[in-house]
């Protein structure tokens, strides 16, 4: 007999401008950028539904209307979705507090907080279980990283209780960091001041710890990635396509590449490393495309090489051009003889005529 699911609510923070991903985010917010063939958030929403979440409140700010256009009422994910808007960005805490107006649960119910730029394969139901068992105010997902200086560092005691919350610091005391997925007791969210700019990382968490509230750390080393930079964004898309980060939203079987409807790849081209070739996009004979995201309608010419890069919608990489670790904006044209590398970004509709930019001696 199928038990009805206990309702579980989540707030998904998607208010950021995605400045680190420009120029791609000039036309769409980061959480809507195509990732492994679907908008990035589709991976989070399908996983949320799979983990037992029934109601999601999307906390939006930048280009808010585009989210409702993309996801509607959430029924296609088996969720109900509400949208709240911040006219001025309120920070993580202010955004969570603002979104809480649409929550339906009681003061003791758990509320899951998800960040719109994290790809995580961790066991969310286990995190919620720990939260309930310990009757915690907040339970944080923690991951271990090699370089914790770039993140908030979170030490905990032998029982898993968090003892401090240290924002980015040059000498971290632990390599366990805040992975950006929280379970809050609803009443704790309601105690955040309304309508103010508040950071949960800098204000709410340290304040709760100082007051002796129980904040638990749920440490798990599953797949985890912050997709805030172009390199990480490409990596995330490729990892989903390759199956390293399993996602029920992937529109096809995992493999070396994903071709969307109407994409054409010449039999003499090599497309690999988890590359997505977008709808109506084409890859010509002799071209090599590895570990990249080619957006809808883009064209990769004969013998061109595209590695670890993003090729924007309707952009053209002409015959023999080489791009490596580069972001090409929508509608840009990169003519033959150009060789672009090392994080270069080309803005939308820019034309680089033949042999304009090279990163190596012209042979």
Protein backbone atom coordinates (compact mmCIF):
# COMPACT_ATOMS: atom_id res chain seq x y z
CA UNK A 1 0.00 0.00 0.00
CA UNK A 2 1.39 3.41 -1.02
CA UNK A 3 1.62 5.75 1.95
CA UNK A 4 0.79 9.39 1.21
CA UNK A 5 3.94 11.47 1.51
CA UNK A 6 4.29 13.74 4.47
CA UNK A 7 4.47 17.21 2.96
CA UNK A 8 8.01 18.61 2.95
CA UNK A 9 8.66 22.19 1.89
CA UNK A 10 11.69 23.86 0.37
CA UNK A 11 12.82 27.39 -0.43
CA UNK A 12 15.06 27.64 -3.50
CA UNK A 13 17.23 30.77 -3.60
CA UNK A 14 17.64 31.97 -7.19
CA UNK A 15 18.01 35.73 -6.77
CA UNK A 16 21.63 36.15 -7.91
CA UNK A 17 22.65 38.01 -11.04
CA UNK A 18 25.23 35.42 -12.09
CA UNK A 19 27.87 38.07 -12.76
CA UNK A 20 30.67 35.47 -12.74
CA UNK A 21 29.00 33.80 -15.73
CA UNK A 22 28.68 36.85 -17.95
CA UNK A 23 28.07 37.20 -20.85
CA UNK A 24 25.79 34.14 -20.71
CA UNK A 25 23.69 35.61 -17.91
CA UNK A 26 22.98 38.82 -19.82
CA UNK A 27 20.04 37.06 -21.49
CA UNK A 28 18.97 34.55 -18.82
CA UNK A 29 19.56 34.06 -15.09
CA UNK A 30 22.19 31.44 -14.22
CA UNK A 31 19.66 28.88 -12.85
CA UNK A 32 17.93 28.81 -16.25
CA UNK A 33 21.06 28.25 -18.36
CA UNK A 34 20.94 25.00 -20.32
CA UNK A 35 22.76 22.29 -18.37
CA UNK A 36 22.89 18.75 -19.77
CA UNK A 37 20.00 19.66 -22.06
CA UNK A 38 17.58 21.27 -19.57
CA UNK A 39 17.52 24.47 -17.51
CA UNK A 40 19.94 24.07 -14.58
CA UNK A 41 17.13 24.25 -11.99
CA UNK A 42 15.32 21.32 -13.60
CA UNK A 43 18.01 19.05 -12.13
CA UNK A 44 17.42 20.51 -8.67
CA UNK A 45 13.64 20.37 -8.93
CA UNK A 46 13.51 16.74 -10.11
CA UNK A 47 15.94 15.72 -7.36
CA UNK A 48 13.90 17.63 -4.78
CA UNK A 49 10.74 15.79 -5.84
CA UNK A 50 12.63 12.49 -5.76
CA UNK A 51 13.76 13.28 -2.19
CA UNK A 52 10.19 13.77 -0.99
CA UNK A 53 9.79 17.55 -1.31
CA UNK A 54 6.21 18.46 -2.26
CA UNK A 55 6.15 22.27 -2.25
CA UNK A 56 8.87 24.67 -3.39
CA UNK A 57 8.98 28.45 -2.98
CA UNK A 58 11.29 30.07 -5.53
CA UNK A 59 12.92 33.21 -4.12
CA UNK A 60 13.62 35.33 -7.20
CA UNK A 61 15.02 38.77 -7.86
CA UNK A 62 16.87 39.07 -11.18
CA UNK A 63 14.62 38.44 -14.24
CA UNK A 64 11.98 36.89 -12.00
CA UNK A 65 9.32 36.45 -14.69
CA UNK A 66 11.52 33.99 -16.62
CA UNK A 67 11.32 31.41 -13.81
CA UNK A 68 7.52 31.22 -13.87
CA UNK A 69 7.63 30.95 -17.67
CA UNK A 70 10.07 28.05 -17.41
CA UNK A 71 8.47 26.00 -14.59
CA UNK A 72 4.85 27.10 -14.21
CA UNK A 73 3.06 25.57 -11.23
CA UNK A 74 5.62 22.77 -10.91
CA UNK A 75 3.20 19.97 -11.77
CA UNK A 76 5.51 18.62 -14.48
CA UNK A 77 8.00 17.88 -11.67
CA UNK A 78 5.36 16.46 -9.31
CA UNK A 79 5.71 19.57 -7.14
CA UNK A 80 3.72 22.68 -6.38
CA UNK A 81 5.82 25.81 -6.98
CA UNK A 82 5.17 29.32 -5.64
CA UNK A 83 7.18 32.39 -6.62
CA UNK A 84 8.22 35.33 -4.46
CA UNK A 85 10.02 38.41 -5.68
CA UNK A 86 12.61 40.63 -4.01
CA UNK A 87 12.65 44.12 -5.51
CA UNK A 88 15.97 44.76 -3.77
CA UNK A 89 18.18 41.74 -3.03
CA UNK A 90 17.94 40.85 0.67
CA UNK A 91 20.88 38.44 1.03
CA UNK A 92 20.51 34.77 1.93
CA UNK A 93 18.74 35.33 5.27
CA UNK A 94 16.50 38.12 4.02
CA UNK A 95 15.62 36.07 0.95
CA UNK A 96 14.69 33.03 3.05
CA UNK A 97 12.60 35.20 5.40
CA UNK A 98 10.84 36.88 2.48
CA UNK A 99 10.00 33.50 0.89
CA UNK A 100 8.65 32.10 4.17
CA UNK A 101 5.40 34.04 3.64
CA UNK A 102 4.40 31.32 1.15
CA UNK A 103 5.22 28.33 3.36
CA UNK A 104 2.27 26.23 4.51
CA UNK A 105 3.71 24.25 7.45
CA UNK A 106 3.70 24.82 11.20
CA UNK A 107 6.41 26.36 13.43
CA UNK A 108 8.18 23.05 14.16
CA UNK A 109 8.14 21.72 10.60
CA UNK A 110 11.44 21.33 8.73
CA UNK A 111 12.03 23.61 5.73
CA UNK A 112 14.76 22.69 3.25
CA UNK A 113 16.79 25.60 1.82
CA UNK A 114 18.43 24.99 -1.56
CA UNK A 115 20.84 27.27 -3.42
CA UNK A 116 20.26 27.87 -7.12
CA UNK A 117 23.92 27.40 -8.05
CA UNK A 118 24.71 24.08 -6.37
CA UNK A 119 24.65 20.67 -8.02
CA UNK A 120 24.56 18.07 -5.23
CA UNK A 121 23.96 14.34 -5.15
CA UNK A 122 23.83 14.08 -1.35
CA UNK A 123 21.18 12.15 0.56
CA UNK A 124 18.73 14.92 1.44
CA UNK A 125 16.26 12.61 3.28
CA UNK A 126 19.14 11.54 5.56
CA UNK A 127 19.91 15.20 6.28
CA UNK A 128 16.23 15.83 7.14
CA UNK A 129 16.21 12.69 9.37
CA UNK A 130 19.24 13.91 11.31
CA UNK A 131 17.58 17.30 11.73
CA UNK A 132 14.43 15.68 13.17
CA UNK A 133 16.30 13.22 15.41
CA UNK A 134 18.42 15.95 17.00
CA UNK A 135 15.52 18.42 17.14
CA UNK A 136 17.95 20.92 15.62
CA UNK A 137 17.33 24.59 14.87
CA UNK A 138 19.28 24.20 11.62
CA UNK A 139 21.09 21.27 9.98
CA UNK A 140 23.75 22.12 7.41
CA UNK A 141 25.05 19.89 4.65
CA UNK A 142 28.87 19.88 4.91
CA UNK A 143 31.36 18.69 2.30
CA UNK A 144 35.12 18.29 2.43
CA UNK A 145 37.11 20.24 -0.15
CA UNK A 146 40.82 20.44 -0.89
CA UNK A 147 40.94 24.24 -0.68
CA UNK A 148 38.55 25.44 2.05
CA UNK A 149 39.84 29.06 1.93
CA UNK A 150 37.28 29.94 -0.76
CA UNK A 151 34.30 28.87 1.35
CA UNK A 152 32.69 29.20 4.77
CA UNK A 153 34.47 26.76 7.05
CA UNK A 154 32.34 24.79 9.56
CA UNK A 155 33.97 22.98 12.51
CA UNK A 156 31.84 20.54 14.53
CA UNK A 157 32.32 18.41 17.65
CA UNK A 158 32.34 14.61 17.90
CA UNK A 159 28.52 14.45 17.98
CA UNK A 160 28.28 16.43 14.73
CA UNK A 161 27.10 19.60 16.44
CA UNK A 162 28.45 22.72 14.73
CA UNK A 163 30.71 24.76 17.04
CA UNK A 164 31.43 27.78 14.86
CA UNK A 165 30.70 29.28 11.47
CA UNK A 166 33.76 30.91 9.96
CA UNK A 167 33.35 32.81 6.72
CA UNK A 168 36.21 32.66 4.19
CA UNK A 169 39.45 32.65 6.14
CA UNK A 170 43.12 32.27 5.08
CA UNK A 171 43.80 29.63 7.78
CA UNK A 172 40.80 27.29 7.92
CA UNK A 173 40.57 25.03 10.99
CA UNK A 174 38.85 22.27 9.00
CA UNK A 175 38.38 21.34 5.34
CA UNK A 176 34.66 20.85 5.92
CA UNK A 177 32.72 23.65 4.35
CA UNK A 178 29.16 24.88 4.13
CA UNK A 179 27.69 23.13 1.08
CA UNK A 180 24.71 25.48 0.79
CA UNK A 181 21.83 23.13 1.61
CA UNK A 182 20.13 23.77 4.96
CA UNK A 183 17.22 22.34 6.91
CA UNK A 184 15.64 24.99 9.14
CA UNK A 185 12.99 24.65 11.81
CA UNK A 186 10.25 26.94 10.49
CA UNK A 187 10.17 29.07 13.68
CA UNK A 188 13.89 29.85 13.25
CA UNK A 189 13.18 31.34 9.80
CA UNK A 190 10.39 33.44 11.32
CA UNK A 191 12.89 34.89 13.83
CA UNK A 192 14.98 36.45 11.00
CA UNK A 193 14.07 40.17 10.76
CA UNK A 194 11.70 40.81 7.83
CA UNK A 195 12.52 43.16 4.95
CA UNK A 196 16.17 43.56 5.93
CA UNK A 197 19.38 42.48 4.23
CA UNK A 198 20.58 39.52 6.31
CA UNK A 199 23.25 36.89 5.64
CA UNK A 200 22.56 33.50 7.26
CA UNK A 201 26.27 32.73 6.94
CA UNK A 202 27.56 35.92 8.59
CA UNK A 203 24.70 36.74 10.98
CA UNK A 204 22.02 34.08 11.53
CA UNK A 205 24.22 30.99 12.02
CA UNK A 206 26.86 32.64 14.25
CA UNK A 207 24.02 34.24 16.27
CA UNK A 208 22.26 30.89 16.78
CA UNK A 209 25.53 29.25 17.85
CA UNK A 210 26.21 32.10 20.32
CA UNK A 211 22.70 31.58 21.76
CA UNK A 212 23.36 27.87 22.31
CA UNK A 213 20.89 26.67 19.66
CA UNK A 214 21.50 23.19 18.25
CA UNK A 215 23.02 23.47 14.79
CA UNK A 216 23.94 20.11 13.31
CA UNK A 217 26.36 19.31 10.52
CA UNK A 218 25.37 16.57 8.09
CA UNK A 219 28.65 15.57 6.42
CA UNK A 220 28.49 13.53 3.24
CA UNK A 221 30.99 13.30 0.41
CA UNK A 222 28.62 12.70 -2.50
CA UNK A 223 28.96 14.60 -5.78
CA UNK A 224 28.95 18.35 -5.07
CA UNK A 225 29.71 21.35 -7.27
CA UNK A 226 29.21 25.11 -7.06
CA UNK A 227 28.54 26.03 -10.70
CA UNK A 228 29.19 29.76 -10.27
CA UNK A 229 32.12 30.05 -12.71
CA UNK A 230 32.15 29.17 -16.43
CA UNK A 231 34.65 26.34 -15.81
CA UNK A 232 32.44 24.83 -13.09
CA UNK A 233 29.27 25.36 -15.12
CA UNK A 234 30.72 23.40 -18.06
CA UNK A 235 32.06 20.74 -15.66
CA UNK A 236 28.62 20.32 -14.07
CA UNK A 237 26.85 19.91 -17.40
CA UNK A 238 29.42 17.36 -18.58
CA UNK A 239 29.29 15.42 -15.30
CA UNK A 240 25.51 15.05 -15.60
CA UNK A 241 25.78 13.90 -19.24
CA UNK A 242 28.55 11.42 -18.37
CA UNK A 243 26.54 10.08 -15.43
CA UNK A 244 29.02 11.16 -12.72
CA UNK A 245 26.17 13.18 -11.19
CA UNK A 246 23.04 11.10 -11.86
CA UNK A 247 20.03 13.29 -12.64
CA UNK A 248 16.51 12.11 -13.46
CA UNK A 249 16.13 15.29 -15.54
CA UNK A 250 18.77 14.23 -18.11
CA UNK A 251 16.83 13.94 -21.40
CA UNK A 252 18.52 10.73 -22.56
CA UNK A 253 20.91 8.02 -21.46
CA UNK A 254 24.24 9.03 -19.91
CA UNK A 255 27.19 8.89 -22.31
CA UNK A 256 30.01 10.78 -24.04
CA UNK A 257 27.59 13.26 -25.59
CA UNK A 258 23.98 14.39 -25.61
CA UNK A 259 22.43 15.55 -28.88
CA UNK A 260 19.21 17.51 -28.51
CA UNK A 261 16.42 17.30 -31.12
CA UNK A 262 17.49 18.68 -34.51
CA UNK A 263 21.20 18.69 -33.62
CA UNK A 264 23.46 17.38 -36.38
CA UNK A 265 26.95 15.96 -35.97
CA UNK A 266 28.94 14.90 -39.04
CA UNK A 267 30.11 11.25 -38.87
CA UNK A 268 33.68 12.56 -39.27
CA UNK A 269 33.45 14.82 -36.21
CA UNK A 270 34.43 13.74 -32.68
CA UNK A 271 32.07 14.87 -29.90
CA UNK A 272 33.02 13.60 -26.42
CA UNK A 273 33.61 14.28 -22.73
CA UNK A 274 29.97 14.88 -21.85
CA UNK A 275 29.39 17.54 -24.51
CA UNK A 276 25.85 18.75 -25.21
CA UNK A 277 25.00 19.76 -28.78
CA UNK A 278 21.91 21.96 -28.55
CA UNK A 279 18.69 21.84 -30.56
CA UNK A 280 19.34 22.73 -34.21
CA UNK A 281 23.08 23.13 -33.60
CA UNK A 282 25.59 21.56 -36.00
CA UNK A 283 29.12 20.15 -35.83
CA UNK A 284 30.88 19.76 -39.20
CA UNK A 285 33.32 17.18 -40.56
CA UNK A 286 36.72 16.95 -38.88
CA UNK A 287 35.68 19.09 -35.92
CA UNK A 288 36.52 18.09 -32.35
CA UNK A 289 34.21 19.12 -29.52
CA UNK A 290 35.21 17.90 -26.05
CA UNK A 291 33.75 18.62 -22.61
CA UNK A 292 31.70 21.58 -23.83
CA UNK A 293 28.20 23.00 -23.95
CA UNK A 294 27.05 24.05 -27.42
CA UNK A 295 23.82 26.03 -27.10
CA UNK A 296 20.83 25.80 -29.46
CA UNK A 297 21.42 26.85 -33.07
CA UNK A 298 25.21 27.25 -32.75
CA UNK A 299 27.52 26.08 -35.53
CA UNK A 300 30.96 24.48 -35.25
CA UNK A 301 32.74 24.51 -38.64
CA UNK A 302 34.97 21.99 -40.38
CA UNK A 303 38.11 21.07 -38.48
CA UNK A 304 37.32 23.50 -35.66
CA UNK A 305 38.35 22.56 -32.11
CA UNK A 306 36.15 23.35 -29.09
CA UNK A 307 37.40 22.24 -25.66
CA UNK A 308 36.01 22.89 -22.16
CA UNK A 309 34.04 25.83 -23.57
CA UNK A 310 30.56 27.27 -23.84
CA UNK A 311 29.32 28.27 -27.29
CA UNK A 312 26.31 30.59 -26.97
CA UNK A 313 23.04 30.34 -28.84
CA UNK A 314 23.39 30.81 -32.64
CA UNK A 315 27.13 31.54 -32.31
CA UNK A 316 29.50 30.37 -35.07
CA UNK A 317 32.95 28.82 -34.62
CA UNK A 318 34.14 28.89 -38.21
CA UNK A 319 36.28 26.31 -40.03
CA UNK A 320 39.55 25.58 -38.26
CA UNK A 321 39.09 28.05 -35.39
CA UNK A 322 40.25 26.81 -31.97
CA UNK A 323 38.65 27.65 -28.61
CA UNK A 324 39.84 26.18 -25.31
CA UNK A 325 38.37 27.16 -21.93
CA UNK A 326 36.40 30.04 -23.43
CA UNK A 327 32.88 31.51 -23.22
CA UNK A 328 31.40 32.63 -26.55
CA UNK A 329 28.33 34.86 -26.21
CA UNK A 330 25.07 34.38 -28.12
CA UNK A 331 25.30 35.17 -31.83
CA UNK A 332 29.06 35.80 -31.84
CA UNK A 333 31.12 34.87 -34.93
CA UNK A 334 34.66 33.49 -34.55
CA UNK A 335 36.26 33.30 -38.01
CA UNK A 336 38.97 30.89 -39.19
CA UNK A 337 42.49 31.46 -37.90
CA UNK A 338 41.40 32.58 -34.44
CA UNK A 339 42.70 30.70 -31.43
CA UNK A 340 41.10 31.67 -28.12
CA UNK A 341 42.02 30.25 -24.71
CA UNK A 342 42.48 30.72 -20.96
CA UNK A 343 39.13 31.96 -19.80
CA UNK A 344 38.62 34.51 -22.58
CA UNK A 345 35.02 35.73 -22.90
CA UNK A 346 33.50 37.02 -26.12
CA UNK A 347 30.37 39.18 -25.73
CA UNK A 348 27.16 38.51 -27.72
CA UNK A 349 27.10 39.35 -31.44
CA UNK A 350 30.82 40.24 -31.55
CA UNK A 351 32.58 39.33 -34.81
CA UNK A 352 36.21 38.25 -34.74
CA UNK A 353 37.34 38.34 -38.37
CA UNK A 354 39.99 35.96 -39.76
CA UNK A 355 43.08 35.57 -37.59
CA UNK A 356 42.25 38.42 -35.20
CA UNK A 357 43.30 36.81 -31.91
CA UNK A 358 45.77 33.99 -31.29
CA UNK A 359 47.22 32.63 -28.07
CA UNK A 360 50.18 30.98 -29.79
CA UNK A 361 52.66 31.82 -32.54
CA UNK A 362 51.07 31.71 -35.95
CA UNK A 363 52.55 28.67 -37.66
